[in-house]
Amino acid sequence: MPTEVRFPPPPVCTAYWNEADWARYIEAKGVTVELEPETLPGFNGAVWVKTGERNTKGEMLYRRRCEGA
């Protein structure tokens, strides 16, 4: 009978990470993470483009790319 039982750590939600959390992750993994990409894929082939503006929470705002733009 085992005397010790180990469980895997729960999955991590990065939604609440701050800059220090990301810095530790990048240092540990040795990679850079693009936190705010220039474009985001959307539903039905739509593309969302970074505006360079932030909301009151400090989150980057994106605007849907219009056809012909």
PDB file of N, CA and C in Angstrom:
ATOM      1  N   MET A   1       0.852  -1.181   0.000  1.00  0.00           N
ATOM      2  CA  MET A   1       0.000   0.000   0.000  1.00  0.00           C
ATOM      3  C   MET A   1       0.894   1.239   0.000  1.00  0.00           C
ATOM      4  N   PRO A   2       0.608   2.205  -0.893  1.00  0.00           N
ATOM      5  CA  PRO A   2       1.457   3.398  -0.958  1.00  0.00           C
ATOM      6  C   PRO A   2       1.289   4.272   0.278  1.00  0.00           C
ATOM      7  N   THR A   3       2.387   4.871   0.681  1.00  0.00           N
ATOM      8  CA  THR A   3       2.339   5.756   1.842  1.00  0.00           C
ATOM      9  C   THR A   3       2.135   7.209   1.436  1.00  0.00           C
ATOM     10  N   GLU A   4       2.298   7.490   0.145  1.00  0.00           N
ATOM     11  CA  GLU A   4       2.156   8.869  -0.324  1.00  0.00           C
ATOM     12  C   GLU A   4       1.416   8.864  -1.655  1.00  0.00           C
ATOM     13  N   VAL A   5       0.475   9.755  -1.795  1.00  0.00           N
ATOM     14  CA  VAL A   5      -0.276   9.871  -3.038  1.00  0.00           C
ATOM     15  C   VAL A   5      -0.050  11.274  -3.586  1.00  0.00           C
ATOM     16  N   ARG A   6       0.291  11.367  -4.863  1.00  0.00           N
ATOM     17  CA  ARG A   6       0.525  12.663  -5.486  1.00  0.00           C
ATOM     18  C   ARG A   6      -0.490  12.883  -6.600  1.00  0.00           C
ATOM     19  N   PHE A   7      -0.966  14.083  -6.681  1.00  0.00           N
ATOM     20  CA  PHE A   7      -1.910  14.452  -7.724  1.00  0.00           C
ATOM     21  C   PHE A   7      -1.268  15.525  -8.601  1.00  0.00           C
ATOM     22  N   PRO A   8      -1.585  15.528  -9.886  1.00  0.00           N
ATOM     23  CA  PRO A   8      -1.013  16.588 -10.737  1.00  0.00           C
ATOM     24  C   PRO A   8      -1.566  17.943 -10.340  1.00  0.00           C
ATOM     25  N   PRO A   9      -0.801  19.007 -10.569  1.00  0.00           N
ATOM     26  CA  PRO A   9      -1.298  20.341 -10.242  1.00  0.00           C
ATOM     27  C   PRO A   9      -2.499  20.692 -11.127  1.00  0.00           C
ATOM     28  N   PRO A  10      -3.397  21.509 -10.634  1.00  0.00           N
ATOM     29  CA  PRO A  10      -4.558  21.889 -11.445  1.00  0.00           C
ATOM     30  C   PRO A  10      -4.122  22.766 -12.621  1.00  0.00           C
ATOM     31  N   PRO A  11      -4.917  22.810 -13.682  1.00  0.00           N
ATOM     32  CA  PRO A  11      -4.561  23.694 -14.804  1.00  0.00           C
ATOM     33  C   PRO A  11      -4.533  25.152 -14.354  1.00  0.00           C
ATOM     34  N   VAL A  12      -3.700  25.919 -14.987  1.00  0.00           N
ATOM     35  CA  VAL A  12      -3.505  27.322 -14.604  1.00  0.00           C
ATOM     36  C   VAL A  12      -4.329  28.226 -15.517  1.00  0.00           C
ATOM     37  N   CYS A  13      -5.033  29.163 -14.930  1.00  0.00           N
ATOM     38  CA  CYS A  13      -5.759  30.168 -15.699  1.00  0.00           C
ATOM     39  C   CYS A  13      -4.912  31.433 -15.719  1.00  0.00           C
ATOM     40  N   THR A  14      -4.490  31.863 -16.910  1.00  0.00           N
ATOM     41  CA  THR A  14      -3.624  33.034 -17.022  1.00  0.00           C
ATOM     42  C   THR A  14      -4.402  34.338 -17.030  1.00  0.00           C
ATOM     43  N   ALA A  15      -5.719  34.272 -16.930  1.00  0.00           N
ATOM     44  CA  ALA A  15      -6.535  35.491 -16.983  1.00  0.00           C
ATOM     45  C   ALA A  15      -6.205  36.450 -15.845  1.00  0.00           C
ATOM     46  N   TYR A  16      -5.743  35.929 -14.726  1.00  0.00           N
ATOM     47  CA  TYR A  16      -5.463  36.773 -13.561  1.00  0.00           C
ATOM     48  C   TYR A  16      -3.974  36.998 -13.333  1.00  0.00           C
ATOM     49  N   TRP A  17      -3.146  36.637 -14.289  1.00  0.00           N
ATOM     50  CA  TRP A  17      -1.711  36.845 -14.146  1.00  0.00           C
ATOM     51  C   TRP A  17      -1.373  38.317 -14.290  1.00  0.00           C
ATOM     52  N   ASN A  18      -0.369  38.745 -13.529  1.00  0.00           N
ATOM     53  CA  ASN A  18       0.135  40.116 -13.673  1.00  0.00           C
ATOM     54  C   ASN A  18       1.486  40.054 -14.403  1.00  0.00           C
ATOM     55  N   GLU A  19       2.118  41.199 -14.584  1.00  0.00           N
ATOM     56  CA  GLU A  19       3.379  41.249 -15.322  1.00  0.00           C
ATOM     57  C   GLU A  19       4.465  40.388 -14.668  1.00  0.00           C
ATOM     58  N   ALA A  20       4.494  40.348 -13.335  1.00  0.00           N
ATOM     59  CA  ALA A  20       5.506  39.537 -12.635  1.00  0.00           C
ATOM     60  C   ALA A  20       5.278  38.046 -12.903  1.00  0.00           C
ATOM     61  N   ASP A  21       4.018  37.619 -12.956  1.00  0.00           N
ATOM     62  CA  ASP A  21       3.715  36.214 -13.261  1.00  0.00           C
ATOM     63  C   ASP A  21       4.217  35.857 -14.656  1.00  0.00           C
ATOM     64  N   TRP A  22       3.949  36.748 -15.628  1.00  0.00           N
ATOM     65  CA  TRP A  22       4.405  36.483 -17.000  1.00  0.00           C
ATOM     66  C   TRP A  22       5.924  36.490 -17.063  1.00  0.00           C
ATOM     67  N   ALA A  23       6.575  37.369 -16.337  1.00  0.00           N
ATOM     68  CA  ALA A  23       8.042  37.420 -16.347  1.00  0.00           C
ATOM     69  C   ALA A  23       8.625  36.114 -15.813  1.00  0.00           C
ATOM     70  N   ARG A  24       8.047  35.584 -14.730  1.00  0.00           N
ATOM     71  CA  ARG A  24       8.516  34.300 -14.187  1.00  0.00           C
ATOM     72  C   ARG A  24       8.300  33.170 -15.191  1.00  0.00           C
ATOM     73  N   TYR A  25       7.154  33.180 -15.880  1.00  0.00           N
ATOM     74  CA  TYR A  25       6.863  32.152 -16.874  1.00  0.00           C
ATOM     75  C   TYR A  25       7.874  32.208 -18.017  1.00  0.00           C
ATOM     76  N   ILE A  26       8.122  33.414 -18.516  1.00  0.00           N
ATOM     77  CA  ILE A  26       9.057  33.580 -19.624  1.00  0.00           C
ATOM     78  C   ILE A  26      10.458  33.152 -19.209  1.00  0.00           C
ATOM     79  N   GLU A  27      10.862  33.510 -17.997  1.00  0.00           N
ATOM     80  CA  GLU A  27      12.187  33.115 -17.502  1.00  0.00           C
ATOM     81  C   GLU A  27      12.297  31.599 -17.380  1.00  0.00           C
ATOM     82  N   ALA A  28      11.253  30.954 -16.877  1.00  0.00           N
ATOM     83  CA  ALA A  28      11.280  29.506 -16.686  1.00  0.00           C
ATOM     84  C   ALA A  28      11.230  28.760 -18.013  1.00  0.00           C
ATOM     85  N   LYS A  29      10.444  29.232 -18.949  1.00  0.00           N
ATOM     86  CA  LYS A  29      10.262  28.532 -20.222  1.00  0.00           C
ATOM     87  C   LYS A  29      11.279  28.941 -21.279  1.00  0.00           C
ATOM     88  N   GLY A  30      11.902  30.105 -21.090  1.00  0.00           N
ATOM     89  CA  GLY A  30      12.891  30.554 -22.048  1.00  0.00           C
ATOM     90  C   GLY A  30      12.289  31.013 -23.363  1.00  0.00           C
ATOM     91  N   VAL A  31      11.033  31.431 -23.319  1.00  0.00           N
ATOM     92  CA  VAL A  31      10.364  31.913 -24.532  1.00  0.00           C
ATOM     93  C   VAL A  31       9.680  33.229 -24.234  1.00  0.00           C
ATOM     94  N   THR A  32       9.416  33.973 -25.269  1.00  0.00           N
ATOM     95  CA  THR A  32       8.639  35.190 -25.095  1.00  0.00           C
ATOM     96  C   THR A  32       7.192  34.888 -25.461  1.00  0.00           C
ATOM     97  N   VAL A  33       6.282  35.561 -24.808  1.00  0.00           N
ATOM     98  CA  VAL A  33       4.860  35.357 -25.024  1.00  0.00           C
ATOM     99  C   VAL A  33       4.271  36.663 -25.520  1.00  0.00           C
ATOM    100  N   GLU A  34       3.573  36.598 -26.655  1.00  0.00           N
ATOM    101  CA  GLU A  34       2.931  37.796 -27.188  1.00  0.00           C
ATOM    102  C   GLU A  34       1.599  37.963 -26.474  1.00  0.00           C
ATOM    103  N   LEU A  35       1.546  38.894 -25.524  1.00  0.00           N
ATOM    104  CA  LEU A  35       0.346  39.069 -24.717  1.00  0.00           C
ATOM    105  C   LEU A  35      -0.769  39.748 -25.501  1.00  0.00           C
ATOM    106  N   GLU A  36      -0.413  40.636 -26.391  1.00  0.00           N
ATOM    107  CA  GLU A  36      -1.404  41.404 -27.144  1.00  0.00           C
ATOM    108  C   GLU A  36      -1.043  41.362 -28.622  1.00  0.00           C
ATOM    109  N   PRO A  37      -1.464  40.316 -29.317  1.00  0.00           N
ATOM    110  CA  PRO A  37      -1.116  40.201 -30.733  1.00  0.00           C
ATOM    111  C   PRO A  37      -1.741  41.325 -31.556  1.00  0.00           C
ATOM    112  N   GLU A  38      -1.155  41.591 -32.710  1.00  0.00           N
ATOM    113  CA  GLU A  38      -1.664  42.646 -33.594  1.00  0.00           C
ATOM    114  C   GLU A  38      -3.044  42.305 -34.134  1.00  0.00           C
ATOM    115  N   THR A  39      -3.286  41.024 -34.449  1.00  0.00           N
ATOM    116  CA  THR A  39      -4.583  40.594 -34.969  1.00  0.00           C
ATOM    117  C   THR A  39      -5.051  39.341 -34.242  1.00  0.00           C
ATOM    118  N   LEU A  40      -6.354  39.173 -34.190  1.00  0.00           N
ATOM    119  CA  LEU A  40      -6.968  37.993 -33.592  1.00  0.00           C
ATOM    120  C   LEU A  40      -7.948  37.395 -34.596  1.00  0.00           C
ATOM    121  N   PRO A  41      -7.938  36.068 -34.766  1.00  0.00           N
ATOM    122  CA  PRO A  41      -8.920  35.458 -35.662  1.00  0.00           C
ATOM    123  C   PRO A  41     -10.297  35.473 -35.011  1.00  0.00           C
ATOM    124  N   GLY A  42     -11.319  35.646 -35.818  1.00  0.00           N
ATOM    125  CA  GLY A  42     -12.688  35.669 -35.304  1.00  0.00           C
ATOM    126  C   GLY A  42     -13.553  34.628 -35.996  1.00  0.00           C
ATOM    127  N   PHE A  43     -14.828  34.666 -35.710  1.00  0.00           N
ATOM    128  CA  PHE A  43     -15.795  33.732 -36.263  1.00  0.00           C
ATOM    129  C   PHE A  43     -16.026  34.033 -37.747  1.00  0.00           C
ATOM    130  N   ASN A  44     -16.184  32.993 -38.557  1.00  0.00           N
ATOM    131  CA  ASN A  44     -16.456  33.115 -39.998  1.00  0.00           C
ATOM    132  C   ASN A  44     -15.395  33.918 -40.744  1.00  0.00           C
ATOM    133  N   GLY A  45     -14.149  33.756 -40.358  1.00  0.00           N
ATOM    134  CA  GLY A  45     -13.061  34.411 -41.069  1.00  0.00           C
ATOM    135  C   GLY A  45     -12.848  35.876 -40.722  1.00  0.00           C
ATOM    136  N   ALA A  46     -13.585  36.395 -39.767  1.00  0.00           N
ATOM    137  CA  ALA A  46     -13.403  37.788 -39.358  1.00  0.00           C
ATOM    138  C   ALA A  46     -12.025  37.958 -38.721  1.00  0.00           C
ATOM    139  N   VAL A  47     -11.472  39.147 -38.845  1.00  0.00           N
ATOM    140  CA  VAL A  47     -10.177  39.466 -38.239  1.00  0.00           C
ATOM    141  C   VAL A  47     -10.350  40.688 -37.354  1.00  0.00           C
ATOM    142  N   TRP A  48      -9.866  40.596 -36.120  1.00  0.00           N
ATOM    143  CA  TRP A  48      -9.908  41.709 -35.171  1.00  0.00           C
ATOM    144  C   TRP A  48      -8.516  42.308 -35.090  1.00  0.00           C
ATOM    145  N   VAL A  49      -8.421  43.631 -35.225  1.00  0.00           N
ATOM    146  CA  VAL A  49      -7.148  44.344 -35.278  1.00  0.00           C
ATOM    147  C   VAL A  49      -6.980  45.193 -34.015  1.00  0.00           C
ATOM    148  N   LYS A  50      -5.762  45.166 -33.465  1.00  0.00           N
ATOM    149  CA  LYS A  50      -5.461  45.958 -32.264  1.00  0.00           C
ATOM    150  C   LYS A  50      -5.596  47.446 -32.571  1.00  0.00           C
ATOM    151  N   THR A  51      -6.293  48.188 -31.691  1.00  0.00           N
ATOM    152  CA  THR A  51      -6.499  49.619 -31.900  1.00  0.00           C
ATOM    153  C   THR A  51      -5.395  50.464 -31.271  1.00  0.00           C
ATOM    154  N   GLY A  52      -4.706  49.923 -30.272  1.00  0.00           N
ATOM    155  CA  GLY A  52      -3.708  50.700 -29.540  1.00  0.00           C
ATOM    156  C   GLY A  52      -4.305  51.449 -28.361  1.00  0.00           C
ATOM    157  N   GLU A  53      -5.609  51.332 -28.167  1.00  0.00           N
ATOM    158  CA  GLU A  53      -6.297  51.975 -27.047  1.00  0.00           C
ATOM    159  C   GLU A  53      -6.624  50.927 -25.995  1.00  0.00           C
ATOM    160  N   ARG A  54      -6.830  51.390 -24.765  1.00  0.00           N
ATOM    161  CA  ARG A  54      -7.180  50.493 -23.665  1.00  0.00           C
ATOM    162  C   ARG A  54      -8.465  50.962 -22.999  1.00  0.00           C
ATOM    163  N   ASN A  55      -9.198  49.991 -22.419  1.00  0.00           N
ATOM    164  CA  ASN A  55     -10.400  50.354 -21.677  1.00  0.00           C
ATOM    165  C   ASN A  55     -10.023  50.755 -20.252  1.00  0.00           C
ATOM    166  N   THR A  56     -10.999  51.006 -19.401  1.00  0.00           N
ATOM    167  CA  THR A  56     -10.724  51.460 -18.033  1.00  0.00           C
ATOM    168  C   THR A  56     -10.030  50.402 -17.180  1.00  0.00           C
ATOM    169  N   LYS A  57     -10.113  49.130 -17.588  1.00  0.00           N
ATOM    170  CA  LYS A  57      -9.425  48.051 -16.864  1.00  0.00           C
ATOM    171  C   LYS A  57      -7.985  47.876 -17.340  1.00  0.00           C
ATOM    172  N   GLY A  58      -7.607  48.616 -18.391  1.00  0.00           N
ATOM    173  CA  GLY A  58      -6.259  48.486 -18.933  1.00  0.00           C
ATOM    174  C   GLY A  58      -6.132  47.410 -19.993  1.00  0.00           C
ATOM    175  N   GLU A  59      -7.244  46.832 -20.431  1.00  0.00           N
ATOM    176  CA  GLU A  59      -7.217  45.784 -21.442  1.00  0.00           C
ATOM    177  C   GLU A  59      -7.131  46.401 -22.836  1.00  0.00           C
ATOM    178  N   MET A  60      -6.354  45.768 -23.709  1.00  0.00           N
ATOM    179  CA  MET A  60      -6.222  46.245 -25.079  1.00  0.00           C
ATOM    180  C   MET A  60      -7.544  46.080 -25.814  1.00  0.00           C
ATOM    181  N   LEU A  61      -7.889  47.091 -26.617  1.00  0.00           N
ATOM    182  CA  LEU A  61      -9.125  47.044 -27.393  1.00  0.00           C
ATOM    183  C   LEU A  61      -8.820  46.638 -28.828  1.00  0.00           C
ATOM    184  N   TYR A  62      -9.728  45.855 -29.404  1.00  0.00           N
ATOM    185  CA  TYR A  62      -9.616  45.391 -30.787  1.00  0.00           C
ATOM    186  C   TYR A  62     -10.861  45.826 -31.542  1.00  0.00           C
ATOM    187  N   ARG A  63     -10.705  46.053 -32.837  1.00  0.00           N
ATOM    188  CA  ARG A  63     -11.816  46.444 -33.697  1.00  0.00           C
ATOM    189  C   ARG A  63     -11.849  45.479 -34.878  1.00  0.00           C
ATOM    190  N   ARG A  64     -13.053  45.078 -35.256  1.00  0.00           N
ATOM    191  CA  ARG A  64     -13.200  44.157 -36.372  1.00  0.00           C
ATOM    192  C   ARG A  64     -12.789  44.844 -37.675  1.00  0.00           C
ATOM    193  N   ARG A  65     -11.942  44.180 -38.443  1.00  0.00           N
ATOM    194  CA  ARG A  65     -11.487  44.726 -39.725  1.00  0.00           C
ATOM    195  C   ARG A  65     -12.652  44.684 -40.702  1.00  0.00           C
ATOM    196  N   CYS A  66     -12.935  45.824 -41.305  1.00  0.00           N
ATOM    197  CA  CYS A  66     -14.024  45.922 -42.274  1.00  0.00           C
ATOM    198  C   CYS A  66     -13.534  45.461 -43.642  1.00  0.00           C
ATOM    199  N   GLU A  67     -14.447  44.954 -44.452  1.00  0.00           N
ATOM    200  CA  GLU A  67     -14.116  44.547 -45.815  1.00  0.00           C
ATOM    201  C   GLU A  67     -13.611  45.751 -46.600  1.00  0.00           C
ATOM    202  N   GLY A  68     -12.557  45.540 -47.371  1.00  0.00           N
ATOM    203  CA  GLY A  68     -12.014  46.602 -48.198  1.00  0.00           C
ATOM    204  C   GLY A  68     -11.120  47.581 -47.458  1.00  0.00           C
ATOM    205  N   ALA A  69     -10.863  47.325 -46.162  1.00  0.00           N
ATOM    206  CA  ALA A  69     -10.030  48.245 -45.385  1.00  0.00           C
ATOM    207  C   ALA A  69      -8.628  47.692 -45.256  1.00  0.00           C
TER     208      ALA A  69
END
